[in-house]
Amino acid sequence: MPYHKDKQQAFQAAQQGMENAMELYLDIVRDSASYGHQLKHLKNEVNEAYQQIENALEVASEHQRIQLEKYQQDLEEMIKGVEVGE
């Protein structure tokens, strides 16, 4: 049972990291005076989410793995979106 709990906790941490990054991405204001600060904060959140996803992938079930890989793709799209806007 502890192994299953670890898998679930790792997945939930990755999910939370993804939600945090997505929230920042959606709230970023490109024409704001604080855009640079917001962008730096977003990149930190994205990096943290990537790390949580990598950790979760080590113990993930097949179903979780599919979702985690989708999260990675979404994070890549977020970064592309802000880099294009820079």
N, C-alpha and C. Protein backbone atom coordinates (compact mmCIF):
# COMPACT_ATOMS: atom_id res chain seq x y z
N MET A 1 0.81 -1.22 0.00
CA MET A 1 0.00 0.00 0.00
C MET A 1 0.85 1.28 0.00
N PRO A 2 1.96 1.32 0.71
CA PRO A 2 2.76 2.56 0.68
C PRO A 2 3.20 2.94 -0.72
N TYR A 3 3.53 1.94 -1.56
CA TYR A 3 3.94 2.23 -2.94
C TYR A 3 2.82 2.92 -3.69
N HIS A 4 1.61 2.41 -3.54
CA HIS A 4 0.46 3.03 -4.21
C HIS A 4 0.26 4.46 -3.71
N LYS A 5 0.41 4.65 -2.43
CA LYS A 5 0.26 5.99 -1.85
C LYS A 5 1.31 6.93 -2.41
N ASP A 6 2.56 6.45 -2.54
CA ASP A 6 3.62 7.28 -3.10
C ASP A 6 3.32 7.66 -4.55
N LYS A 7 2.81 6.71 -5.33
CA LYS A 7 2.45 7.00 -6.72
C LYS A 7 1.39 8.09 -6.76
N GLN A 8 0.38 7.95 -5.91
CA GLN A 8 -0.72 8.92 -5.90
C GLN A 8 -0.22 10.28 -5.44
N GLN A 9 0.62 10.32 -4.42
CA GLN A 9 1.14 11.60 -3.92
C GLN A 9 2.01 12.27 -4.97
N ALA A 10 2.84 11.49 -5.65
CA ALA A 10 3.70 12.05 -6.69
C ALA A 10 2.86 12.61 -7.82
N PHE A 11 1.81 11.88 -8.21
CA PHE A 11 0.94 12.35 -9.28
C PHE A 11 0.22 13.63 -8.85
N GLN A 12 -0.28 13.66 -7.62
CA GLN A 12 -0.99 14.85 -7.14
C GLN A 12 -0.06 16.05 -7.05
N ALA A 13 1.19 15.85 -6.68
CA ALA A 13 2.15 16.96 -6.63
C ALA A 13 2.39 17.50 -8.04
N ALA A 14 2.52 16.60 -9.01
CA ALA A 14 2.71 17.03 -10.40
C ALA A 14 1.47 17.77 -10.90
N GLN A 15 0.31 17.26 -10.56
CA GLN A 15 -0.95 17.90 -10.96
C GLN A 15 -1.05 19.30 -10.37
N GLN A 16 -0.70 19.44 -9.09
CA GLN A 16 -0.74 20.75 -8.44
C GLN A 16 0.26 21.70 -9.07
N GLY A 17 1.45 21.21 -9.37
CA GLY A 17 2.46 22.04 -10.02
C GLY A 17 1.97 22.54 -11.37
N MET A 18 1.32 21.66 -12.09
CA MET A 18 0.76 22.04 -13.39
C MET A 18 -0.31 23.10 -13.23
N GLU A 19 -1.19 22.93 -12.26
CA GLU A 19 -2.26 23.91 -12.01
C GLU A 19 -1.66 25.27 -11.63
N ASN A 20 -0.62 25.27 -10.81
CA ASN A 20 0.02 26.52 -10.41
C ASN A 20 0.61 27.24 -11.62
N ALA A 21 1.31 26.49 -12.46
CA ALA A 21 1.91 27.08 -13.65
C ALA A 21 0.84 27.61 -14.60
N MET A 22 -0.23 26.85 -14.79
CA MET A 22 -1.30 27.26 -15.69
C MET A 22 -1.97 28.54 -15.19
N GLU A 23 -2.18 28.61 -13.89
CA GLU A 23 -2.80 29.81 -13.30
C GLU A 23 -1.94 31.05 -13.56
N LEU A 24 -0.64 30.92 -13.34
CA LEU A 24 0.26 32.05 -13.61
C LEU A 24 0.26 32.41 -15.09
N TYR A 25 0.29 31.39 -15.94
CA TYR A 25 0.31 31.62 -17.39
C TYR A 25 -0.94 32.39 -17.83
N LEU A 26 -2.08 32.02 -17.29
CA LEU A 26 -3.33 32.67 -17.68
C LEU A 26 -3.43 34.09 -17.12
N ASP A 27 -2.75 34.35 -16.01
CA ASP A 27 -2.84 35.66 -15.36
C ASP A 27 -1.77 36.64 -15.84
N ILE A 28 -0.79 36.17 -16.60
CA ILE A 28 0.31 37.04 -17.01
C ILE A 28 -0.22 38.16 -17.92
N VAL A 29 0.27 39.37 -17.68
CA VAL A 29 -0.17 40.53 -18.44
C VAL A 29 1.02 41.04 -19.24
N ARG A 30 0.96 40.83 -20.55
CA ARG A 30 2.10 41.14 -21.40
C ARG A 30 2.45 42.62 -21.45
N ASP A 31 1.47 43.48 -21.33
CA ASP A 31 1.77 44.91 -21.43
C ASP A 31 1.92 45.56 -20.06
N SER A 32 2.05 44.75 -19.04
CA SER A 32 2.19 45.26 -17.68
C SER A 32 3.64 45.65 -17.40
N ALA A 33 3.81 46.62 -16.52
CA ALA A 33 5.16 47.02 -16.12
C ALA A 33 5.86 45.87 -15.39
N SER A 34 5.10 44.97 -14.80
CA SER A 34 5.68 43.86 -14.05
C SER A 34 5.76 42.58 -14.89
N TYR A 35 5.64 42.70 -16.21
CA TYR A 35 5.67 41.52 -17.08
C TYR A 35 6.94 40.69 -16.89
N GLY A 36 8.08 41.35 -16.81
CA GLY A 36 9.35 40.63 -16.63
C GLY A 36 9.35 39.82 -15.34
N HIS A 37 8.85 40.42 -14.28
CA HIS A 37 8.76 39.72 -13.00
C HIS A 37 7.78 38.55 -13.10
N GLN A 38 6.64 38.79 -13.73
CA GLN A 38 5.64 37.73 -13.90
C GLN A 38 6.22 36.58 -14.73
N LEU A 39 6.95 36.91 -15.77
CA LEU A 39 7.54 35.90 -16.64
C LEU A 39 8.57 35.06 -15.88
N LYS A 40 9.40 35.72 -15.09
CA LYS A 40 10.39 34.99 -14.29
C LYS A 40 9.70 34.05 -13.32
N HIS A 41 8.66 34.52 -12.68
CA HIS A 41 7.89 33.70 -11.73
C HIS A 41 7.26 32.51 -12.46
N LEU A 42 6.72 32.75 -13.63
CA LEU A 42 6.12 31.67 -14.43
C LEU A 42 7.17 30.62 -14.79
N LYS A 43 8.33 31.06 -15.24
CA LYS A 43 9.37 30.11 -15.62
C LYS A 43 9.82 29.27 -14.43
N ASN A 44 9.89 29.89 -13.25
CA ASN A 44 10.22 29.13 -12.04
C ASN A 44 9.15 28.08 -11.75
N GLU A 45 7.89 28.46 -11.87
CA GLU A 45 6.79 27.51 -11.63
C GLU A 45 6.82 26.38 -12.66
N VAL A 46 7.09 26.72 -13.91
CA VAL A 46 7.16 25.71 -14.96
C VAL A 46 8.30 24.73 -14.67
N ASN A 47 9.45 25.25 -14.28
CA ASN A 47 10.58 24.37 -13.94
C ASN A 47 10.24 23.46 -12.77
N GLU A 48 9.57 24.01 -11.77
CA GLU A 48 9.17 23.20 -10.62
C GLU A 48 8.16 22.13 -11.05
N ALA A 49 7.22 22.50 -11.90
CA ALA A 49 6.24 21.54 -12.38
C ALA A 49 6.91 20.44 -13.19
N TYR A 50 7.87 20.80 -14.04
CA TYR A 50 8.63 19.79 -14.80
C TYR A 50 9.29 18.79 -13.84
N GLN A 51 9.90 19.31 -12.77
CA GLN A 51 10.59 18.43 -11.82
C GLN A 51 9.59 17.50 -11.13
N GLN A 52 8.44 18.03 -10.75
CA GLN A 52 7.42 17.21 -10.10
C GLN A 52 6.90 16.14 -11.06
N ILE A 53 6.76 16.50 -12.32
CA ILE A 53 6.30 15.54 -13.33
C ILE A 53 7.34 14.45 -13.52
N GLU A 54 8.61 14.84 -13.61
CA GLU A 54 9.69 13.85 -13.76
C GLU A 54 9.70 12.88 -12.59
N ASN A 55 9.53 13.40 -11.39
CA ASN A 55 9.50 12.54 -10.20
C ASN A 55 8.31 11.59 -10.27
N ALA A 56 7.17 12.10 -10.66
CA ALA A 56 5.97 11.28 -10.72
C ALA A 56 6.08 10.21 -11.81
N LEU A 57 6.74 10.54 -12.91
CA LEU A 57 6.91 9.56 -14.00
C LEU A 57 7.70 8.33 -13.56
N GLU A 58 8.55 8.49 -12.57
CA GLU A 58 9.36 7.36 -12.09
C GLU A 58 8.50 6.26 -11.47
N VAL A 59 7.35 6.62 -10.92
CA VAL A 59 6.51 5.65 -10.22
C VAL A 59 5.09 5.56 -10.79
N ALA A 60 4.83 6.23 -11.89
CA ALA A 60 3.46 6.38 -12.41
C ALA A 60 2.91 5.08 -12.99
N SER A 61 1.59 4.94 -12.85
CA SER A 61 0.87 3.89 -13.55
C SER A 61 0.77 4.31 -15.02
N GLU A 62 0.33 3.41 -15.87
CA GLU A 62 0.22 3.71 -17.30
C GLU A 62 -0.74 4.88 -17.53
N HIS A 63 -1.87 4.87 -16.84
CA HIS A 63 -2.86 5.95 -16.98
C HIS A 63 -2.26 7.28 -16.53
N GLN A 64 -1.56 7.26 -15.40
CA GLN A 64 -0.92 8.48 -14.90
C GLN A 64 0.16 8.96 -15.86
N ARG A 65 0.91 8.03 -16.42
CA ARG A 65 1.99 8.37 -17.35
C ARG A 65 1.45 9.16 -18.55
N ILE A 66 0.33 8.72 -19.09
CA ILE A 66 -0.29 9.41 -20.22
C ILE A 66 -0.63 10.85 -19.84
N GLN A 67 -1.23 11.03 -18.66
CA GLN A 67 -1.61 12.37 -18.22
C GLN A 67 -0.37 13.22 -17.94
N LEU A 68 0.64 12.63 -17.34
CA LEU A 68 1.87 13.37 -17.04
C LEU A 68 2.58 13.82 -18.31
N GLU A 69 2.58 12.97 -19.32
CA GLU A 69 3.19 13.36 -20.60
C GLU A 69 2.40 14.49 -21.25
N LYS A 70 1.08 14.49 -21.07
CA LYS A 70 0.25 15.59 -21.57
C LYS A 70 0.61 16.89 -20.84
N TYR A 71 0.82 16.78 -19.54
CA TYR A 71 1.23 17.96 -18.76
C TYR A 71 2.55 18.52 -19.31
N GLN A 72 3.50 17.64 -19.64
CA GLN A 72 4.77 18.10 -20.19
C GLN A 72 4.55 18.86 -21.50
N GLN A 73 3.69 18.34 -22.35
CA GLN A 73 3.39 19.01 -23.61
C GLN A 73 2.75 20.37 -23.36
N ASP A 74 1.83 20.42 -22.40
CA ASP A 74 1.17 21.69 -22.07
C ASP A 74 2.17 22.71 -21.56
N LEU A 75 3.11 22.28 -20.74
CA LEU A 75 4.14 23.19 -20.24
C LEU A 75 5.00 23.72 -21.38
N GLU A 76 5.35 22.85 -22.32
CA GLU A 76 6.13 23.28 -23.48
C GLU A 76 5.38 24.33 -24.29
N GLU A 77 4.08 24.13 -24.45
CA GLU A 77 3.26 25.11 -25.17
C GLU A 77 3.20 26.44 -24.42
N MET A 78 3.12 26.38 -23.10
CA MET A 78 3.11 27.61 -22.30
C MET A 78 4.37 28.41 -22.54
N ILE A 79 5.52 27.74 -22.48
CA ILE A 79 6.80 28.41 -22.65
C ILE A 79 6.90 28.98 -24.07
N LYS A 80 6.48 28.22 -25.06
CA LYS A 80 6.48 28.74 -26.42
C LYS A 80 5.59 29.96 -26.53
N GLY A 81 4.46 29.94 -25.87
CA GLY A 81 3.52 31.07 -25.91
C GLY A 81 4.10 32.34 -25.35
N VAL A 82 4.83 32.25 -24.26
CA VAL A 82 5.40 33.47 -23.69
C VAL A 82 6.67 33.88 -24.41
N GLU A 83 7.42 32.92 -24.96
CA GLU A 83 8.62 33.29 -25.71
C GLU A 83 8.28 33.99 -27.02
N VAL A 84 7.19 33.59 -27.66
CA VAL A 84 6.74 34.25 -28.87
C VAL A 84 6.30 35.67 -28.55
N GLY A 85 5.67 35.82 -27.38
CA GLY A 85 5.15 37.13 -26.98
C GLY A 85 6.20 38.07 -26.48
N GLU A 86 7.40 37.58 -26.21
CA GLU A 86 8.45 38.44 -25.66
C GLU A 86 8.95 39.43 -26.69
